């Protein structure tokens, strides 16, 4: 559905029991998925079956990847069609060996940058970064907000001075208006909680949101829906 609605890439959540960076909507979807038997292997199988023509980013926490086995995950994820990996609770530089293994795999290691990330830390965060840079729109957990803080635009500008990679903004974007605001200074927007909430009302409701977002991004900024797997 998201690919047909014009998404440029899609983030697929890795199921986890303790998604601390996520708000109530994503937490609930993760718990429902786990209760219905979803697993890392199940997520990879869904990606394999979908065979999307747009890039897929695996998005989640470190523990499930380590429990699955990092070399195994990297190999099987690439074979399933995953293009990149974004780990929310692994600060850049915390585990050089893990980062080396990801860089040497067929998956891009996507960096996260917060509005509070200091200028002196940016070179480390962005060193050997691949794919794109994910700028978090605010501190705290995922979930819709009423407006985007001016600090986000400043963070994007600082990242642009430090890398040639595209810059996407996520955490809180829930409407076409917010997407258009972010698109004035970013290359893409990531939408998670708002899309999962719409999915509770059915596929058509979620497609309506995707159409709203696509219509708002008339300057060509990318749309990246972030979804969490829920077993049927």
N, C-alpha and C. Protein backbone atom coordinates (compact mmCIF):
# COMPACT_ATOMS: atom_id res chain seq x y z
N UNK A 1 0.83 -1.21 0.00
CA UNK A 1 0.00 0.00 0.00
C UNK A 1 0.86 1.26 0.00
N UNK A 2 1.85 1.33 0.89
CA UNK A 2 2.65 2.55 0.97
C UNK A 2 3.47 2.78 -0.29
N UNK A 3 3.96 1.71 -0.89
CA UNK A 3 4.72 1.86 -2.13
C UNK A 3 3.82 2.37 -3.24
N UNK A 4 2.61 1.82 -3.35
CA UNK A 4 1.67 2.24 -4.38
C UNK A 4 1.20 3.67 -4.17
N UNK A 5 1.27 4.15 -2.93
CA UNK A 5 0.81 5.50 -2.61
C UNK A 5 1.89 6.55 -2.81
N UNK A 6 3.06 6.14 -3.25
CA UNK A 6 4.09 7.12 -3.59
C UNK A 6 5.25 7.24 -2.63
N UNK A 7 5.37 6.32 -1.67
CA UNK A 7 6.52 6.37 -0.76
C UNK A 7 7.81 6.14 -1.54
N UNK A 8 8.85 6.83 -1.13
CA UNK A 8 10.16 6.68 -1.78
C UNK A 8 11.00 5.60 -1.13
N UNK A 9 10.78 5.37 0.16
CA UNK A 9 11.34 4.20 0.84
C UNK A 9 10.48 3.93 2.07
N UNK A 10 10.65 2.77 2.66
CA UNK A 10 9.80 2.39 3.79
C UNK A 10 10.67 1.85 4.93
N UNK A 11 10.35 2.27 6.14
CA UNK A 11 11.00 1.71 7.32
C UNK A 11 10.10 0.64 7.91
N UNK A 12 10.68 -0.51 8.19
CA UNK A 12 9.93 -1.62 8.79
C UNK A 12 10.51 -1.89 10.17
N UNK A 13 9.65 -1.86 11.17
CA UNK A 13 10.11 -2.02 12.53
C UNK A 13 10.53 -3.44 12.88
N UNK A 14 11.59 -3.55 13.65
CA UNK A 14 12.02 -4.82 14.21
C UNK A 14 11.29 -5.00 15.54
N UNK A 15 10.48 -6.03 15.72
CA UNK A 15 9.69 -6.17 16.94
C UNK A 15 10.56 -6.27 18.18
N UNK A 16 10.13 -5.59 19.25
CA UNK A 16 10.90 -5.56 20.50
C UNK A 16 9.95 -5.35 21.67
N UNK A 17 10.26 -5.95 22.80
CA UNK A 17 9.39 -5.90 23.97
C UNK A 17 9.46 -4.57 24.70
N UNK A 18 10.53 -3.79 24.50
CA UNK A 18 10.74 -2.59 25.29
C UNK A 18 11.17 -1.42 24.41
N UNK A 19 10.29 -0.95 23.53
CA UNK A 19 10.65 0.11 22.58
C UNK A 19 10.62 1.49 23.22
N UNK A 20 11.67 1.80 23.98
CA UNK A 20 11.68 3.00 24.81
C UNK A 20 11.65 4.31 24.04
N UNK A 21 12.11 4.30 22.80
CA UNK A 21 12.13 5.55 22.02
C UNK A 21 10.79 5.83 21.36
N UNK A 22 9.85 4.89 21.50
CA UNK A 22 8.57 5.03 20.82
C UNK A 22 7.46 5.44 21.77
N UNK A 23 6.50 6.18 21.23
CA UNK A 23 5.34 6.60 21.99
C UNK A 23 4.29 5.51 22.05
N UNK A 24 3.12 5.80 22.61
CA UNK A 24 2.10 4.77 22.85
C UNK A 24 1.58 4.09 21.60
N UNK A 25 1.49 4.79 20.49
CA UNK A 25 0.95 4.18 19.28
C UNK A 25 1.87 3.09 18.77
N UNK A 26 3.15 3.40 18.62
CA UNK A 26 4.11 2.42 18.13
C UNK A 26 4.34 1.32 19.17
N UNK A 27 4.36 1.69 20.45
CA UNK A 27 4.50 0.66 21.49
C UNK A 27 3.38 -0.35 21.39
N UNK A 28 2.16 0.14 21.24
CA UNK A 28 1.03 -0.78 21.15
C UNK A 28 1.16 -1.69 19.94
N UNK A 29 1.54 -1.14 18.80
CA UNK A 29 1.66 -1.96 17.59
C UNK A 29 2.74 -3.01 17.75
N UNK A 30 3.84 -2.65 18.43
CA UNK A 30 4.91 -3.62 18.67
C UNK A 30 4.43 -4.75 19.57
N UNK A 31 3.70 -4.39 20.62
CA UNK A 31 3.21 -5.41 21.55
C UNK A 31 2.19 -6.33 20.88
N UNK A 32 1.31 -5.75 20.08
CA UNK A 32 0.34 -6.57 19.35
C UNK A 32 1.05 -7.53 18.41
N UNK A 33 2.06 -7.02 17.71
CA UNK A 33 2.80 -7.86 16.77
C UNK A 33 3.46 -9.04 17.50
N UNK A 34 4.10 -8.76 18.63
CA UNK A 34 4.76 -9.83 19.39
C UNK A 34 3.74 -10.82 19.94
N UNK A 35 2.61 -10.34 20.41
CA UNK A 35 1.58 -11.23 20.94
C UNK A 35 1.05 -12.17 19.87
N UNK A 36 1.08 -11.71 18.62
CA UNK A 36 0.57 -12.53 17.52
C UNK A 36 1.67 -13.31 16.82
N UNK A 37 2.84 -13.35 17.45
CA UNK A 37 3.88 -14.24 16.95
C UNK A 37 4.92 -13.62 16.03
N UNK A 38 4.89 -12.28 15.88
CA UNK A 38 5.89 -11.67 15.02
C UNK A 38 7.27 -11.79 15.64
N UNK A 39 8.28 -11.90 14.81
CA UNK A 39 9.67 -12.07 15.24
C UNK A 39 10.58 -11.40 14.24
N UNK A 40 11.87 -11.38 14.54
CA UNK A 40 12.83 -10.83 13.58
C UNK A 40 12.76 -11.62 12.28
N UNK A 41 12.74 -12.95 12.40
CA UNK A 41 12.67 -13.77 11.20
C UNK A 41 11.37 -13.53 10.44
N UNK A 42 10.27 -13.35 11.20
CA UNK A 42 8.99 -13.07 10.56
C UNK A 42 9.00 -11.75 9.82
N UNK A 43 9.63 -10.75 10.42
CA UNK A 43 9.74 -9.45 9.75
C UNK A 43 10.52 -9.57 8.46
N UNK A 44 11.63 -10.31 8.50
CA UNK A 44 12.43 -10.48 7.29
C UNK A 44 11.65 -11.24 6.21
N UNK A 45 10.85 -12.19 6.64
CA UNK A 45 10.06 -12.95 5.68
C UNK A 45 9.01 -12.05 5.01
N UNK A 46 8.40 -11.15 5.78
CA UNK A 46 7.44 -10.21 5.21
C UNK A 46 8.11 -9.30 4.17
N UNK A 47 9.31 -8.84 4.48
CA UNK A 47 10.04 -8.01 3.53
C UNK A 47 10.35 -8.80 2.26
N UNK A 48 10.75 -10.04 2.45
CA UNK A 48 11.07 -10.89 1.30
C UNK A 48 9.83 -11.10 0.43
N UNK A 49 8.71 -11.39 1.06
CA UNK A 49 7.48 -11.64 0.31
C UNK A 49 6.98 -10.38 -0.40
N UNK A 50 7.15 -9.23 0.24
CA UNK A 50 6.68 -7.99 -0.36
C UNK A 50 7.44 -7.64 -1.63
N UNK A 51 8.74 -7.93 -1.64
CA UNK A 51 9.59 -7.68 -2.81
C UNK A 51 9.36 -6.28 -3.38
N UNK A 52 9.46 -5.28 -2.51
CA UNK A 52 9.20 -3.91 -2.92
C UNK A 52 10.26 -3.39 -3.89
N UNK A 53 9.87 -2.49 -4.74
CA UNK A 53 10.81 -1.88 -5.68
C UNK A 53 11.45 -0.63 -5.10
N UNK A 54 11.03 -0.23 -3.90
CA UNK A 54 11.65 0.90 -3.22
C UNK A 54 12.50 0.37 -2.06
N UNK A 55 13.50 1.13 -1.60
CA UNK A 55 14.36 0.64 -0.52
C UNK A 55 13.59 0.40 0.78
N UNK A 56 14.01 -0.61 1.51
CA UNK A 56 13.44 -0.94 2.82
C UNK A 56 14.52 -0.73 3.88
N UNK A 57 14.19 0.01 4.92
CA UNK A 57 15.10 0.25 6.03
C UNK A 57 14.58 -0.49 7.25
N UNK A 58 15.41 -1.35 7.85
CA UNK A 58 15.05 -2.00 9.11
C UNK A 58 15.33 -1.03 10.24
N UNK A 59 14.31 -0.80 11.06
CA UNK A 59 14.36 0.25 12.08
C UNK A 59 14.01 -0.37 13.43
N UNK A 60 14.89 -0.22 14.42
CA UNK A 60 14.55 -0.81 15.71
C UNK A 60 15.64 -0.65 16.75
N UNK A 61 15.74 -1.65 17.61
CA UNK A 61 16.61 -1.61 18.78
C UNK A 61 17.68 -2.69 18.68
N UNK A 62 18.73 -2.51 19.45
CA UNK A 62 19.91 -3.37 19.31
C UNK A 62 19.68 -4.79 19.80
N UNK A 63 18.98 -4.96 20.92
CA UNK A 63 18.85 -6.29 21.51
C UNK A 63 18.31 -7.36 20.57
N UNK A 64 17.21 -7.11 19.82
CA UNK A 64 16.72 -8.15 18.92
C UNK A 64 17.74 -8.54 17.85
N UNK A 65 18.50 -7.56 17.37
CA UNK A 65 19.51 -7.86 16.34
C UNK A 65 20.61 -8.73 16.93
N UNK A 66 21.08 -8.39 18.14
CA UNK A 66 22.13 -9.18 18.77
C UNK A 66 21.63 -10.57 19.13
N UNK A 67 20.37 -10.65 19.61
CA UNK A 67 19.82 -11.96 19.96
C UNK A 67 19.68 -12.85 18.73
N UNK A 68 19.36 -12.26 17.61
CA UNK A 68 19.24 -13.00 16.36
C UNK A 68 20.61 -13.43 15.84
N UNK A 69 21.62 -12.62 16.19
CA UNK A 69 22.97 -12.84 15.70
C UNK A 69 23.28 -11.84 14.62
N UNK A 70 24.20 -10.92 14.90
CA UNK A 70 24.46 -9.83 13.95
C UNK A 70 24.87 -10.32 12.57
N UNK A 71 25.86 -11.22 12.44
CA UNK A 71 26.22 -11.67 11.09
C UNK A 71 25.05 -12.32 10.36
N UNK A 72 24.29 -13.14 11.09
CA UNK A 72 23.12 -13.79 10.49
C UNK A 72 22.10 -12.76 10.05
N UNK A 73 21.84 -11.77 10.91
CA UNK A 73 20.87 -10.75 10.56
C UNK A 73 21.30 -9.98 9.32
N UNK A 74 22.54 -9.55 9.28
CA UNK A 74 23.02 -8.76 8.15
C UNK A 74 22.91 -9.54 6.84
N UNK A 75 23.27 -10.80 6.89
CA UNK A 75 23.22 -11.64 5.68
C UNK A 75 21.77 -11.87 5.24
N UNK A 76 20.91 -12.26 6.19
CA UNK A 76 19.53 -12.59 5.83
C UNK A 76 18.72 -11.35 5.49
N UNK A 77 19.01 -10.25 6.15
CA UNK A 77 18.30 -9.02 5.83
C UNK A 77 18.61 -8.56 4.41
N UNK A 78 19.88 -8.60 4.04
CA UNK A 78 20.26 -8.21 2.68
C UNK A 78 19.60 -9.14 1.66
N UNK A 79 19.58 -10.44 1.96
CA UNK A 79 18.98 -11.40 1.04
C UNK A 79 17.47 -11.19 0.91
N UNK A 80 16.84 -10.69 1.99
CA UNK A 80 15.40 -10.46 1.97
C UNK A 80 15.03 -9.19 1.23
N UNK A 81 15.99 -8.29 1.03
CA UNK A 81 15.71 -7.05 0.34
C UNK A 81 15.83 -5.81 1.18
N UNK A 82 16.38 -5.94 2.41
CA UNK A 82 16.60 -4.77 3.26
C UNK A 82 17.83 -4.01 2.75
N UNK A 83 17.70 -2.69 2.67
CA UNK A 83 18.80 -1.87 2.14
C UNK A 83 19.59 -1.17 3.21
N UNK A 84 18.97 -0.94 4.38
CA UNK A 84 19.65 -0.18 5.42
C UNK A 84 19.20 -0.57 6.80
N UNK A 85 19.98 -0.16 7.80
CA UNK A 85 19.70 -0.49 9.20
C UNK A 85 19.80 0.78 10.03
N UNK A 86 18.78 1.03 10.85
CA UNK A 86 18.76 2.18 11.74
C UNK A 86 18.45 1.67 13.14
N UNK A 87 19.42 1.81 14.05
CA UNK A 87 19.26 1.33 15.42
C UNK A 87 19.16 2.52 16.36
N UNK A 88 18.01 2.65 17.02
CA UNK A 88 17.73 3.85 17.80
C UNK A 88 18.55 3.96 19.07
N UNK A 89 18.94 2.83 19.66
CA UNK A 89 19.60 2.88 20.97
C UNK A 89 21.09 2.51 20.89
N UNK A 90 21.70 2.79 19.76
CA UNK A 90 23.14 2.56 19.61
C UNK A 90 23.80 3.88 19.24
N UNK A 91 24.30 4.63 20.23
CA UNK A 91 24.98 5.89 19.93
C UNK A 91 26.19 5.66 19.02
N UNK A 92 26.38 6.55 18.09
CA UNK A 92 27.50 6.43 17.15
C UNK A 92 28.81 6.42 17.92
N UNK A 93 29.65 5.43 17.60
CA UNK A 93 30.95 5.30 18.24
C UNK A 93 30.93 4.42 19.48
N UNK A 94 29.75 3.98 19.90
CA UNK A 94 29.63 3.16 21.10
C UNK A 94 30.18 1.75 20.89
N UNK A 95 30.00 1.21 19.68
CA UNK A 95 30.45 -0.16 19.38
C UNK A 95 31.09 -0.15 18.00
N UNK A 96 32.37 0.12 17.96
CA UNK A 96 33.08 0.25 16.69
C UNK A 96 33.08 -1.05 15.89
N UNK A 97 33.16 -2.19 16.57
CA UNK A 97 33.18 -3.46 15.88
C UNK A 97 31.85 -3.75 15.20
N UNK A 98 30.76 -3.47 15.90
CA UNK A 98 29.44 -3.67 15.29
C UNK A 98 29.27 -2.76 14.08
N UNK A 99 29.66 -1.50 14.22
CA UNK A 99 29.54 -0.57 13.11
C UNK A 99 30.38 -1.03 11.92
N UNK A 100 31.56 -1.57 12.21
CA UNK A 100 32.41 -2.06 11.12
C UNK A 100 31.72 -3.20 10.37
N UNK A 101 31.11 -4.12 11.11
CA UNK A 101 30.43 -5.25 10.47
C UNK A 101 29.27 -4.79 9.60
N UNK A 102 28.53 -3.80 10.07
CA UNK A 102 27.41 -3.30 9.26
C UNK A 102 27.94 -2.61 8.01
N UNK A 103 28.98 -1.79 8.17
CA UNK A 103 29.54 -1.09 7.01
C UNK A 103 30.07 -2.06 5.97
N UNK A 104 30.60 -3.20 6.41
CA UNK A 104 31.15 -4.17 5.47
C UNK A 104 30.08 -5.09 4.89
N UNK A 105 28.85 -4.96 5.37
CA UNK A 105 27.74 -5.75 4.83
C UNK A 105 27.11 -5.01 3.66
N UNK A 106 26.00 -5.55 3.17
CA UNK A 106 25.27 -4.90 2.08
C UNK A 106 24.19 -3.96 2.59
N UNK A 107 24.19 -3.68 3.90
CA UNK A 107 23.23 -2.76 4.49
C UNK A 107 23.90 -1.43 4.81
N UNK A 108 23.21 -0.35 4.53
CA UNK A 108 23.70 0.97 4.91
C UNK A 108 23.38 1.21 6.39
N UNK A 109 24.34 1.77 7.12
CA UNK A 109 24.13 2.11 8.53
C UNK A 109 23.66 3.56 8.59
N UNK A 110 22.38 3.76 8.92
CA UNK A 110 21.77 5.08 8.89
C UNK A 110 22.01 5.79 10.23
N UNK A 111 22.60 6.98 10.23
CA UNK A 111 22.85 7.70 11.49
C UNK A 111 21.65 8.52 11.93
N UNK A 112 21.51 8.66 13.25
CA UNK A 112 20.50 9.53 13.85
C UNK A 112 21.17 10.78 14.41
N UNK A 113 20.57 11.93 14.17
CA UNK A 113 21.06 13.18 14.72
C UNK A 113 19.92 13.89 15.42
N UNK A 114 20.15 14.34 16.65
CA UNK A 114 19.14 15.07 17.41
C UNK A 114 19.41 16.57 17.32
N UNK A 115 18.41 17.40 17.58
CA UNK A 115 18.65 18.85 17.59
C UNK A 115 19.72 19.26 18.60
N UNK A 116 19.92 18.42 19.62
CA UNK A 116 20.90 18.74 20.65
C UNK A 116 22.29 18.18 20.36
N UNK A 117 22.46 17.46 19.24
CA UNK A 117 23.77 16.93 18.90
C UNK A 117 24.75 18.09 18.67
N UNK A 118 25.83 18.09 19.41
CA UNK A 118 26.80 19.19 19.34
C UNK A 118 27.57 19.19 18.03
N UNK A 119 27.98 20.38 17.59
CA UNK A 119 28.75 20.48 16.34
C UNK A 119 30.02 19.64 16.39
N UNK A 120 30.67 19.60 17.55
CA UNK A 120 31.92 18.85 17.63
C UNK A 120 31.70 17.34 17.55
N UNK A 121 30.48 16.88 17.80
CA UNK A 121 30.19 15.45 17.71
C UNK A 121 29.74 15.05 16.30
N UNK A 122 29.25 15.98 15.53
CA UNK A 122 28.72 15.66 14.20
C UNK A 122 29.70 14.89 13.31
N UNK A 123 30.99 15.27 13.26
CA UNK A 123 31.91 14.50 12.40
C UNK A 123 31.97 13.02 12.76
N UNK A 124 31.90 12.69 14.05
CA UNK A 124 31.91 11.29 14.47
C UNK A 124 30.61 10.61 14.06
N UNK A 125 29.48 11.27 14.29
CA UNK A 125 28.18 10.69 13.97
C UNK A 125 28.07 10.42 12.47
N UNK A 126 28.60 11.31 11.67
CA UNK A 126 28.43 11.23 10.21
C UNK A 126 29.58 10.53 9.50
N UNK A 127 30.63 10.18 10.22
CA UNK A 127 31.76 9.49 9.60
C UNK A 127 31.31 8.16 9.02
N UNK A 128 31.60 7.94 7.76
CA UNK A 128 31.25 6.69 7.06
C UNK A 128 29.75 6.44 7.02
N UNK A 129 28.93 7.47 7.24
CA UNK A 129 27.48 7.31 7.17
C UNK A 129 27.07 6.96 5.75
N UNK A 130 25.98 6.24 5.64
CA UNK A 130 25.51 5.78 4.33
C UNK A 130 24.01 6.03 4.21
N UNK A 131 23.53 6.06 2.99
CA UNK A 131 22.10 6.15 2.75
C UNK A 131 21.58 7.57 2.90
N UNK A 132 21.21 7.91 4.11
CA UNK A 132 20.74 9.26 4.42
C UNK A 132 20.94 9.50 5.90
N UNK A 133 20.74 10.74 6.33
CA UNK A 133 20.85 11.10 7.74
C UNK A 133 19.44 11.34 8.28
N UNK A 134 19.11 10.70 9.38
CA UNK A 134 17.80 10.84 10.01
C UNK A 134 17.93 11.87 11.13
N UNK A 135 17.31 13.04 10.95
CA UNK A 135 17.30 14.07 11.98
C UNK A 135 16.02 13.95 12.80
N UNK A 136 16.16 13.75 14.10
CA UNK A 136 15.02 13.65 14.99
C UNK A 136 14.45 15.05 15.22
N UNK A 137 13.16 15.19 15.04
CA UNK A 137 12.55 16.52 15.11
C UNK A 137 12.45 17.07 16.52
N UNK A 138 12.54 16.21 17.51
CA UNK A 138 12.41 16.67 18.89
C UNK A 138 12.95 15.61 19.83
N UNK A 139 13.19 15.99 21.07
CA UNK A 139 13.59 15.04 22.09
C UNK A 139 12.34 14.30 22.58
N UNK A 140 12.54 13.13 23.18
CA UNK A 140 11.41 12.35 23.66
C UNK A 140 11.10 11.20 22.73
N UNK A 141 9.86 10.69 22.79
CA UNK A 141 9.49 9.51 22.05
C UNK A 141 8.78 9.88 20.75
N UNK A 142 8.58 8.87 19.91
CA UNK A 142 7.84 9.08 18.67
C UNK A 142 6.39 9.43 18.97
N UNK A 143 5.75 10.07 18.01
CA UNK A 143 4.35 10.45 18.18
C UNK A 143 4.09 11.82 17.60
N UNK A 144 2.82 12.08 17.31
CA UNK A 144 2.45 13.32 16.65
C UNK A 144 2.68 14.53 17.55
N UNK A 145 3.06 15.64 16.93
CA UNK A 145 3.19 16.92 17.63
C UNK A 145 2.41 17.96 16.84
N UNK A 146 2.11 19.09 17.47
CA UNK A 146 1.32 20.10 16.81
C UNK A 146 2.14 21.00 15.88
N UNK A 147 3.44 21.12 16.15
CA UNK A 147 4.29 21.97 15.31
C UNK A 147 5.73 21.50 15.41
N UNK A 148 6.53 21.90 14.44
CA UNK A 148 7.94 21.55 14.42
C UNK A 148 8.76 22.69 15.01
N UNK A 149 9.63 22.35 15.93
CA UNK A 149 10.48 23.34 16.60
C UNK A 149 11.49 23.92 15.61
N UNK A 150 11.81 25.20 15.79
CA UNK A 150 12.81 25.83 14.93
C UNK A 150 14.18 25.20 15.05
N UNK A 151 14.41 24.49 16.15
CA UNK A 151 15.70 23.82 16.33
C UNK A 151 15.92 22.74 15.28
N UNK A 152 14.84 22.20 14.73
CA UNK A 152 14.97 21.16 13.72
C UNK A 152 15.61 21.72 12.46
N UNK A 153 15.13 22.87 12.01
CA UNK A 153 15.71 23.49 10.82
C UNK A 153 17.18 23.81 11.04
N UNK A 154 17.52 24.27 12.22
CA UNK A 154 18.91 24.56 12.54
C UNK A 154 19.75 23.29 12.51
N UNK A 155 19.20 22.18 13.05
CA UNK A 155 19.92 20.91 13.06
C UNK A 155 20.16 20.42 11.64
N UNK A 156 19.14 20.54 10.78
CA UNK A 156 19.29 20.11 9.39
C UNK A 156 20.38 20.93 8.70
N UNK A 157 20.40 22.23 8.95
CA UNK A 157 21.42 23.10 8.33
C UNK A 157 22.81 22.69 8.79
N UNK A 158 22.96 22.36 10.06
CA UNK A 158 24.27 21.96 10.58
C UNK A 158 24.70 20.63 9.96
N UNK A 159 23.75 19.70 9.80
CA UNK A 159 24.07 18.41 9.18
C UNK A 159 24.48 18.62 7.73
N UNK A 160 23.78 19.48 7.01
CA UNK A 160 24.11 19.72 5.60
C UNK A 160 25.54 20.25 5.44
N UNK A 161 25.99 21.03 6.40
CA UNK A 161 27.36 21.55 6.31
C UNK A 161 28.40 20.46 6.54
N UNK A 162 27.96 19.32 7.10
CA UNK A 162 28.91 18.28 7.47
C UNK A 162 28.84 17.04 6.59
N UNK A 163 27.85 16.95 5.70
CA UNK A 163 27.72 15.75 4.86
C UNK A 163 27.03 16.09 3.55
N UNK A 164 27.26 15.27 2.55
CA UNK A 164 26.58 15.41 1.27
C UNK A 164 25.37 14.48 1.18
N UNK A 165 25.14 13.67 2.20
CA UNK A 165 24.02 12.73 2.18
C UNK A 165 22.69 13.48 2.28
N UNK A 166 21.62 12.89 1.73
CA UNK A 166 20.28 13.48 1.93
C UNK A 166 19.92 13.48 3.41
N UNK A 167 19.07 14.42 3.80
CA UNK A 167 18.66 14.56 5.20
C UNK A 167 17.15 14.42 5.29
N UNK A 168 16.70 13.49 6.14
CA UNK A 168 15.27 13.29 6.37
C UNK A 168 14.93 13.67 7.81
N UNK A 169 13.72 14.14 8.02
CA UNK A 169 13.25 14.54 9.34
C UNK A 169 12.12 13.62 9.77
N UNK A 170 12.18 13.13 11.01
CA UNK A 170 11.12 12.26 11.54
C UNK A 170 10.89 12.52 13.01
N UNK A 171 9.99 11.73 13.60
CA UNK A 171 9.54 11.86 15.00
C UNK A 171 8.54 13.01 15.11
N UNK A 172 7.29 12.76 14.85
CA UNK A 172 6.26 13.75 15.10
C UNK A 172 5.49 14.26 13.91
N UNK A 173 5.93 13.96 12.70
CA UNK A 173 5.23 14.47 11.52
C UNK A 173 3.96 13.66 11.29
N UNK A 174 2.83 14.36 11.25
CA UNK A 174 1.55 13.65 11.22
C UNK A 174 0.58 14.21 10.19
N UNK A 175 0.95 15.25 9.46
CA UNK A 175 0.03 15.87 8.52
C UNK A 175 0.77 16.39 7.31
N UNK A 176 0.01 16.68 6.26
CA UNK A 176 0.61 17.26 5.08
C UNK A 176 1.22 18.62 5.36
N UNK A 177 0.57 19.40 6.22
CA UNK A 177 1.10 20.71 6.56
C UNK A 177 2.47 20.60 7.23
N UNK A 178 2.61 19.69 8.18
CA UNK A 178 3.90 19.51 8.85
C UNK A 178 4.94 18.98 7.88
N UNK A 179 4.53 18.06 7.01
CA UNK A 179 5.46 17.52 6.02
C UNK A 179 5.98 18.62 5.10
N UNK A 180 5.07 19.51 4.67
CA UNK A 180 5.48 20.61 3.80
C UNK A 180 6.43 21.55 4.51
N UNK A 181 6.21 21.79 5.80
CA UNK A 181 7.11 22.64 6.57
C UNK A 181 8.50 22.03 6.61
N UNK A 182 8.59 20.74 6.92
CA UNK A 182 9.89 20.07 6.99
C UNK A 182 10.56 20.03 5.62
N UNK A 183 9.77 19.89 4.57
CA UNK A 183 10.32 19.78 3.22
C UNK A 183 10.95 21.07 2.73
N UNK A 184 10.68 22.18 3.41
CA UNK A 184 11.31 23.43 3.01
C UNK A 184 12.80 23.42 3.28
N UNK A 185 13.24 22.58 4.22
CA UNK A 185 14.67 22.53 4.54
C UNK A 185 15.26 21.12 4.55
N UNK A 186 14.42 20.08 4.45
CA UNK A 186 14.91 18.70 4.45
C UNK A 186 14.63 18.04 3.10
N UNK A 187 15.30 16.92 2.87
CA UNK A 187 15.11 16.18 1.62
C UNK A 187 13.98 15.16 1.72
N UNK A 188 13.57 14.83 2.95
CA UNK A 188 12.53 13.83 3.11
C UNK A 188 11.91 13.91 4.48
N UNK A 189 10.74 13.29 4.63
CA UNK A 189 10.07 13.21 5.92
C UNK A 189 9.73 11.76 6.21
N UNK A 190 9.78 11.41 7.49
CA UNK A 190 9.48 10.06 7.95
C UNK A 190 8.22 10.12 8.80
N UNK A 191 7.23 9.32 8.46
CA UNK A 191 5.95 9.33 9.18
C UNK A 191 5.70 7.94 9.76
N UNK A 192 5.53 7.86 11.07
CA UNK A 192 5.35 6.57 11.72
C UNK A 192 4.05 6.46 12.47
N UNK A 193 3.96 7.11 13.65
CA UNK A 193 2.79 6.97 14.51
C UNK A 193 1.49 7.34 13.81
N UNK A 194 1.52 8.41 13.04
CA UNK A 194 0.29 8.85 12.36
C UNK A 194 -0.20 7.79 11.39
N UNK A 195 0.72 7.13 10.69
CA UNK A 195 0.33 6.11 9.73
C UNK A 195 -0.20 4.87 10.45
N UNK A 196 0.47 4.46 11.53
CA UNK A 196 0.01 3.29 12.29
C UNK A 196 -1.37 3.56 12.88
N UNK A 197 -1.60 4.79 13.36
CA UNK A 197 -2.91 5.14 13.91
C UNK A 197 -3.98 5.05 12.82
N UNK A 198 -3.67 5.52 11.63
CA UNK A 198 -4.63 5.44 10.52
C UNK A 198 -4.91 3.98 10.13
N UNK A 199 -3.90 3.14 10.24
CA UNK A 199 -4.10 1.74 9.88
C UNK A 199 -5.13 1.06 10.78
N UNK A 200 -5.28 1.57 12.00
CA UNK A 200 -6.33 1.05 12.88
C UNK A 200 -7.71 1.24 12.26
N UNK A 201 -7.83 2.26 11.41
CA UNK A 201 -9.11 2.55 10.76
C UNK A 201 -9.21 1.91 9.38
N UNK A 202 -8.18 1.17 9.00
CA UNK A 202 -8.23 0.47 7.73
C UNK A 202 -7.22 0.99 6.72
N UNK A 203 -7.00 0.21 5.68
CA UNK A 203 -6.01 0.54 4.66
C UNK A 203 -6.38 1.83 3.94
N UNK A 204 -7.67 2.04 3.68
CA UNK A 204 -8.08 3.24 2.96
C UNK A 204 -7.73 4.50 3.74
N UNK A 205 -7.89 4.45 5.06
CA UNK A 205 -7.56 5.61 5.89
C UNK A 205 -6.07 5.90 5.83
N UNK A 206 -5.27 4.84 5.86
CA UNK A 206 -3.82 5.03 5.76
C UNK A 206 -3.44 5.56 4.39
N UNK A 207 -4.11 5.07 3.35
CA UNK A 207 -3.81 5.56 2.00
C UNK A 207 -4.18 7.04 1.87
N UNK A 208 -5.25 7.45 2.52
CA UNK A 208 -5.62 8.87 2.50
C UNK A 208 -4.51 9.73 3.08
N UNK A 209 -3.89 9.27 4.19
CA UNK A 209 -2.79 10.03 4.78
C UNK A 209 -1.60 10.09 3.83
N UNK A 210 -1.28 8.96 3.20
CA UNK A 210 -0.16 8.96 2.25
C UNK A 210 -0.43 9.93 1.10
N UNK A 211 -1.67 9.96 0.62
CA UNK A 211 -2.00 10.89 -0.46
C UNK A 211 -1.90 12.34 -0.01
N UNK A 212 -2.31 12.59 1.24
CA UNK A 212 -2.18 13.94 1.80
C UNK A 212 -0.71 14.35 1.87
N UNK A 213 0.12 13.46 2.34
CA UNK A 213 1.54 13.77 2.45
C UNK A 213 2.17 14.00 1.08
N UNK A 214 1.86 13.12 0.15
CA UNK A 214 2.42 13.25 -1.19
C UNK A 214 1.97 14.55 -1.84
N UNK A 215 0.72 14.90 -1.67
CA UNK A 215 0.21 16.13 -2.25
C UNK A 215 0.87 17.37 -1.66
N UNK A 216 1.26 17.28 -0.39
CA UNK A 216 1.87 18.43 0.29
C UNK A 216 3.32 18.63 -0.11
N UNK A 217 3.95 17.57 -0.60
CA UNK A 217 5.38 17.65 -0.89
C UNK A 217 5.61 17.95 -2.37
N UNK A 218 5.15 19.08 -2.78
CA UNK A 218 5.23 19.43 -4.20
C UNK A 218 6.64 19.79 -4.63
N UNK A 219 7.55 19.98 -3.67
CA UNK A 219 8.93 20.33 -4.05
C UNK A 219 9.79 19.09 -4.25
N UNK A 220 9.17 17.90 -4.15
CA UNK A 220 9.91 16.68 -4.45
C UNK A 220 10.57 16.01 -3.28
N UNK A 221 10.35 16.47 -2.05
CA UNK A 221 10.94 15.80 -0.89
C UNK A 221 10.39 14.39 -0.79
N UNK A 222 11.21 13.50 -0.29
CA UNK A 222 10.84 12.09 -0.22
C UNK A 222 9.89 11.85 0.95
N UNK A 223 9.03 10.84 0.79
CA UNK A 223 8.15 10.39 1.87
C UNK A 223 8.58 9.00 2.28
N UNK A 224 8.81 8.82 3.59
CA UNK A 224 9.21 7.51 4.09
C UNK A 224 8.29 7.10 5.22
N UNK A 225 7.33 6.21 4.97
CA UNK A 225 6.50 5.75 6.06
C UNK A 225 7.23 4.73 6.91
N UNK A 226 7.11 4.86 8.21
CA UNK A 226 7.70 3.91 9.14
C UNK A 226 6.58 3.03 9.67
N UNK A 227 6.66 1.74 9.43
CA UNK A 227 5.60 0.84 9.86
C UNK A 227 6.13 -0.20 10.81
N UNK A 228 5.25 -0.67 11.69
CA UNK A 228 5.59 -1.74 12.62
C UNK A 228 4.77 -2.95 12.26
N UNK A 229 5.43 -4.11 12.18
CA UNK A 229 4.75 -5.32 11.74
C UNK A 229 3.71 -5.78 12.74
N UNK A 230 2.51 -6.07 12.22
CA UNK A 230 1.47 -6.68 13.03
C UNK A 230 1.01 -7.93 12.31
N UNK A 231 1.09 -9.06 13.00
CA UNK A 231 0.60 -10.31 12.39
C UNK A 231 -0.91 -10.23 12.25
N UNK A 232 -1.44 -10.89 11.22
CA UNK A 232 -2.91 -10.89 11.00
C UNK A 232 -3.60 -11.71 12.09
